[in-house]
Amino acid sequence: MPKHHLHAFVSRGANVGELLLPHKHEDGSYVVSKTRFEDDYVRVAKETDILPWLEKGYGLRMSNPDKGITAPSLISPESIYRPVAL
């Protein structure tokens, strides 16, 4: 099982189908937001704390630097795949 459980896929453009993972910002935090505007950002310290925000309807900034996708896109919660609890 991959280290990252939350993931999404690029839906349009040159990188269609590429995997996206939660984007870790320079300060080590992750960003969830209802809008694309920085004023609305909520910084989350740990990746494990993101899921409750998605369940409240917040989007998540995601990227994949290993695939050249360095600009974090705001991905809607409906487009993010979550871990399945068994």
N, C-alpha and C. Protein backbone atom coordinates (compact mmCIF):
# COMPACT_ATOMS: atom_id res chain seq x y z
N MET A 1 0.85 -1.18 0.00
CA MET A 1 0.00 0.00 0.00
C MET A 1 0.89 1.24 0.00
N PRO A 2 0.57 2.23 -0.85
CA PRO A 2 1.41 3.43 -0.91
C PRO A 2 1.34 4.22 0.39
N LYS A 3 2.37 5.02 0.62
CA LYS A 3 2.45 5.84 1.82
C LYS A 3 1.27 6.82 1.89
N HIS A 4 0.92 7.40 0.75
CA HIS A 4 -0.16 8.39 0.71
C HIS A 4 -1.48 7.69 0.42
N HIS A 5 -2.43 7.88 1.29
CA HIS A 5 -3.74 7.27 1.07
C HIS A 5 -4.68 8.19 0.33
N LEU A 6 -4.59 9.52 0.58
CA LEU A 6 -5.41 10.48 -0.15
C LEU A 6 -4.75 10.74 -1.49
N HIS A 7 -5.53 10.59 -2.56
CA HIS A 7 -4.98 10.87 -3.88
C HIS A 7 -6.10 11.26 -4.83
N ALA A 8 -5.70 11.83 -5.95
CA ALA A 8 -6.64 12.21 -7.01
C ALA A 8 -5.89 12.06 -8.32
N PHE A 9 -6.59 12.32 -9.41
CA PHE A 9 -5.97 12.24 -10.73
C PHE A 9 -6.26 13.51 -11.51
N VAL A 10 -5.27 13.95 -12.30
CA VAL A 10 -5.45 15.14 -13.15
C VAL A 10 -6.57 14.83 -14.13
N SER A 11 -7.53 15.75 -14.25
CA SER A 11 -8.70 15.49 -15.10
C SER A 11 -8.65 16.17 -16.47
N ARG A 12 -7.75 17.13 -16.64
CA ARG A 12 -7.66 17.78 -17.96
C ARG A 12 -6.27 18.38 -18.15
N GLY A 13 -5.98 18.70 -19.40
CA GLY A 13 -4.68 19.30 -19.71
C GLY A 13 -3.64 18.26 -20.10
N ALA A 14 -2.39 18.71 -20.12
CA ALA A 14 -1.29 17.87 -20.59
C ALA A 14 -1.02 16.66 -19.69
N ASN A 15 -1.39 16.75 -18.43
CA ASN A 15 -1.08 15.67 -17.49
C ASN A 15 -2.27 14.80 -17.13
N VAL A 16 -3.26 14.72 -18.01
CA VAL A 16 -4.47 13.93 -17.72
C VAL A 16 -4.10 12.53 -17.24
N GLY A 17 -4.73 12.12 -16.15
CA GLY A 17 -4.51 10.77 -15.62
C GLY A 17 -3.37 10.65 -14.63
N GLU A 18 -2.54 11.69 -14.51
CA GLU A 18 -1.42 11.61 -13.56
C GLU A 18 -1.93 11.67 -12.13
N LEU A 19 -1.24 10.98 -11.25
CA LEU A 19 -1.57 10.92 -9.84
C LEU A 19 -1.25 12.24 -9.15
N LEU A 20 -2.16 12.69 -8.28
CA LEU A 20 -1.92 13.86 -7.44
C LEU A 20 -1.96 13.42 -5.98
N LEU A 21 -1.08 14.02 -5.19
CA LEU A 21 -0.97 13.71 -3.76
C LEU A 21 -1.09 15.01 -2.97
N PRO A 22 -1.41 14.94 -1.68
CA PRO A 22 -1.46 16.17 -0.88
C PRO A 22 -0.15 16.94 -1.00
N HIS A 23 -0.26 18.24 -1.25
CA HIS A 23 0.93 19.09 -1.44
C HIS A 23 1.44 19.57 -0.08
N LYS A 24 2.69 19.25 0.21
CA LYS A 24 3.31 19.71 1.45
C LYS A 24 3.99 21.05 1.16
N HIS A 25 3.54 22.10 1.83
CA HIS A 25 4.09 23.44 1.63
C HIS A 25 5.42 23.58 2.34
N GLU A 26 6.13 24.68 2.04
CA GLU A 26 7.47 24.89 2.58
C GLU A 26 7.51 24.86 4.10
N ASP A 27 6.42 25.28 4.74
CA ASP A 27 6.38 25.28 6.21
C ASP A 27 5.99 23.91 6.77
N GLY A 28 5.83 22.91 5.89
CA GLY A 28 5.51 21.55 6.32
C GLY A 28 4.02 21.28 6.48
N SER A 29 3.19 22.28 6.18
CA SER A 29 1.74 22.10 6.35
C SER A 29 1.08 21.74 5.02
N TYR A 30 -0.16 21.31 5.14
CA TYR A 30 -1.02 21.05 3.99
C TYR A 30 -2.11 22.12 4.01
N VAL A 31 -2.70 22.40 2.85
CA VAL A 31 -3.71 23.46 2.79
C VAL A 31 -5.04 22.91 2.30
N VAL A 32 -6.09 23.20 3.08
CA VAL A 32 -7.47 22.94 2.67
C VAL A 32 -8.16 24.29 2.56
N SER A 33 -9.17 24.37 1.69
CA SER A 33 -9.84 25.64 1.48
C SER A 33 -11.17 25.43 0.79
N LYS A 34 -12.10 26.35 1.02
CA LYS A 34 -13.38 26.34 0.32
C LYS A 34 -13.28 27.07 -1.01
N THR A 35 -12.26 27.95 -1.14
CA THR A 35 -12.05 28.71 -2.38
C THR A 35 -10.58 28.63 -2.77
N ARG A 36 -10.26 29.18 -3.92
CA ARG A 36 -8.87 29.17 -4.37
C ARG A 36 -8.06 30.33 -3.79
N PHE A 37 -8.70 31.19 -3.01
CA PHE A 37 -8.03 32.39 -2.51
C PHE A 37 -7.26 32.12 -1.22
N GLU A 38 -6.04 32.65 -1.17
CA GLU A 38 -5.15 32.42 -0.04
C GLU A 38 -5.76 32.87 1.29
N ASP A 39 -6.58 33.90 1.26
CA ASP A 39 -7.22 34.39 2.50
C ASP A 39 -8.08 33.31 3.15
N ASP A 40 -8.56 32.36 2.36
CA ASP A 40 -9.44 31.31 2.86
C ASP A 40 -8.71 30.02 3.24
N TYR A 41 -7.38 30.01 3.09
CA TYR A 41 -6.61 28.80 3.38
C TYR A 41 -6.70 28.42 4.85
N VAL A 42 -6.81 27.13 5.11
CA VAL A 42 -6.67 26.59 6.46
C VAL A 42 -5.46 25.65 6.39
N ARG A 43 -4.47 25.94 7.20
CA ARG A 43 -3.27 25.11 7.21
C ARG A 43 -3.46 23.95 8.18
N VAL A 44 -3.10 22.76 7.72
CA VAL A 44 -3.26 21.54 8.50
C VAL A 44 -1.86 20.96 8.71
N ALA A 45 -1.51 20.66 9.96
CA ALA A 45 -0.15 20.23 10.28
C ALA A 45 0.20 18.83 9.79
N LYS A 46 -0.76 17.89 9.91
CA LYS A 46 -0.46 16.50 9.57
C LYS A 46 -1.42 15.99 8.49
N GLU A 47 -0.90 15.16 7.61
CA GLU A 47 -1.73 14.59 6.55
C GLU A 47 -2.91 13.81 7.13
N THR A 48 -2.70 13.20 8.28
CA THR A 48 -3.78 12.42 8.89
C THR A 48 -4.93 13.29 9.39
N ASP A 49 -4.72 14.60 9.48
CA ASP A 49 -5.77 15.52 9.93
C ASP A 49 -6.57 16.12 8.78
N ILE A 50 -6.30 15.74 7.55
CA ILE A 50 -6.96 16.32 6.38
C ILE A 50 -8.38 15.79 6.20
N LEU A 51 -8.58 14.51 6.41
CA LEU A 51 -9.86 13.86 6.11
C LEU A 51 -11.08 14.56 6.71
N PRO A 52 -11.06 14.96 7.98
CA PRO A 52 -12.24 15.66 8.52
C PRO A 52 -12.59 16.94 7.76
N TRP A 53 -11.59 17.63 7.24
CA TRP A 53 -11.84 18.84 6.46
C TRP A 53 -12.52 18.50 5.14
N LEU A 54 -12.08 17.41 4.49
CA LEU A 54 -12.71 17.00 3.23
C LEU A 54 -14.17 16.66 3.48
N GLU A 55 -14.44 16.03 4.61
CA GLU A 55 -15.82 15.65 4.93
C GLU A 55 -16.71 16.87 5.19
N LYS A 56 -16.09 18.02 5.50
CA LYS A 56 -16.83 19.27 5.70
C LYS A 56 -16.97 20.05 4.38
N GLY A 57 -16.46 19.48 3.29
CA GLY A 57 -16.59 20.14 1.99
C GLY A 57 -15.42 20.98 1.54
N TYR A 58 -14.31 20.92 2.25
CA TYR A 58 -13.13 21.69 1.87
C TYR A 58 -12.36 20.95 0.78
N GLY A 59 -11.76 21.71 -0.13
CA GLY A 59 -10.87 21.15 -1.13
C GLY A 59 -9.47 21.06 -0.56
N LEU A 60 -8.60 20.36 -1.26
CA LEU A 60 -7.23 20.14 -0.82
C LEU A 60 -6.27 20.52 -1.93
N ARG A 61 -5.21 21.25 -1.58
CA ARG A 61 -4.15 21.56 -2.55
C ARG A 61 -3.34 20.29 -2.77
N MET A 62 -3.22 19.91 -4.06
CA MET A 62 -2.53 18.65 -4.40
C MET A 62 -1.56 18.89 -5.56
N SER A 63 -0.50 18.08 -5.59
CA SER A 63 0.51 18.18 -6.64
C SER A 63 1.21 16.83 -6.77
N ASN A 64 2.21 16.77 -7.65
CA ASN A 64 3.06 15.59 -7.76
C ASN A 64 4.40 16.01 -8.37
N PRO A 65 5.31 16.56 -7.55
CA PRO A 65 6.59 17.04 -8.06
C PRO A 65 7.38 15.98 -8.82
N ASP A 66 7.25 14.70 -8.42
CA ASP A 66 7.98 13.63 -9.11
C ASP A 66 7.57 13.50 -10.57
N LYS A 67 6.35 13.96 -10.90
CA LYS A 67 5.85 13.90 -12.28
C LYS A 67 5.88 15.28 -12.93
N GLY A 68 6.54 16.26 -12.30
CA GLY A 68 6.65 17.60 -12.85
C GLY A 68 5.44 18.48 -12.58
N ILE A 69 4.54 18.04 -11.72
CA ILE A 69 3.34 18.82 -11.37
C ILE A 69 3.64 19.50 -10.04
N THR A 70 4.28 20.68 -10.12
CA THR A 70 4.77 21.34 -8.91
C THR A 70 3.80 22.39 -8.37
N ALA A 71 2.95 22.94 -9.22
CA ALA A 71 1.99 23.95 -8.77
C ALA A 71 0.80 23.23 -8.12
N PRO A 72 0.55 23.48 -6.84
CA PRO A 72 -0.54 22.78 -6.16
C PRO A 72 -1.91 23.26 -6.63
N SER A 73 -2.71 22.34 -7.11
CA SER A 73 -4.07 22.65 -7.55
C SER A 73 -5.05 22.37 -6.42
N LEU A 74 -6.11 23.17 -6.34
CA LEU A 74 -7.16 22.93 -5.35
C LEU A 74 -8.11 21.89 -5.92
N ILE A 75 -8.15 20.73 -5.30
CA ILE A 75 -8.97 19.61 -5.77
C ILE A 75 -10.21 19.51 -4.89
N SER A 76 -11.37 19.40 -5.52
CA SER A 76 -12.62 19.32 -4.76
C SER A 76 -12.69 18.00 -4.01
N PRO A 77 -13.37 18.00 -2.86
CA PRO A 77 -13.42 16.78 -2.05
C PRO A 77 -14.06 15.60 -2.78
N GLU A 78 -14.97 15.86 -3.71
CA GLU A 78 -15.61 14.79 -4.47
C GLU A 78 -14.63 14.07 -5.39
N SER A 79 -13.52 14.71 -5.74
CA SER A 79 -12.54 14.13 -6.66
C SER A 79 -11.37 13.46 -5.97
N ILE A 80 -11.38 13.46 -4.64
CA ILE A 80 -10.26 12.89 -3.89
C ILE A 80 -10.64 11.49 -3.39
N TYR A 81 -9.78 10.54 -3.71
CA TYR A 81 -9.98 9.17 -3.26
C TYR A 81 -9.45 9.05 -1.85
N ARG A 82 -10.21 8.37 -0.99
CA ARG A 82 -9.88 8.24 0.42
C ARG A 82 -9.58 6.79 0.75
N PRO A 83 -8.88 6.56 1.86
CA PRO A 83 -8.63 5.17 2.27
C PRO A 83 -9.94 4.49 2.64
N VAL A 84 -10.00 3.21 2.39
CA VAL A 84 -11.17 2.41 2.73
C VAL A 84 -10.89 1.70 4.04
N ALA A 85 -11.77 1.90 5.01
CA ALA A 85 -11.62 1.22 6.31
C ALA A 85 -12.35 -0.11 6.23
N LEU A 86 -11.64 -1.16 6.58
CA LEU A 86 -12.25 -2.50 6.56
C LEU A 86 -12.55 -2.97 7.96
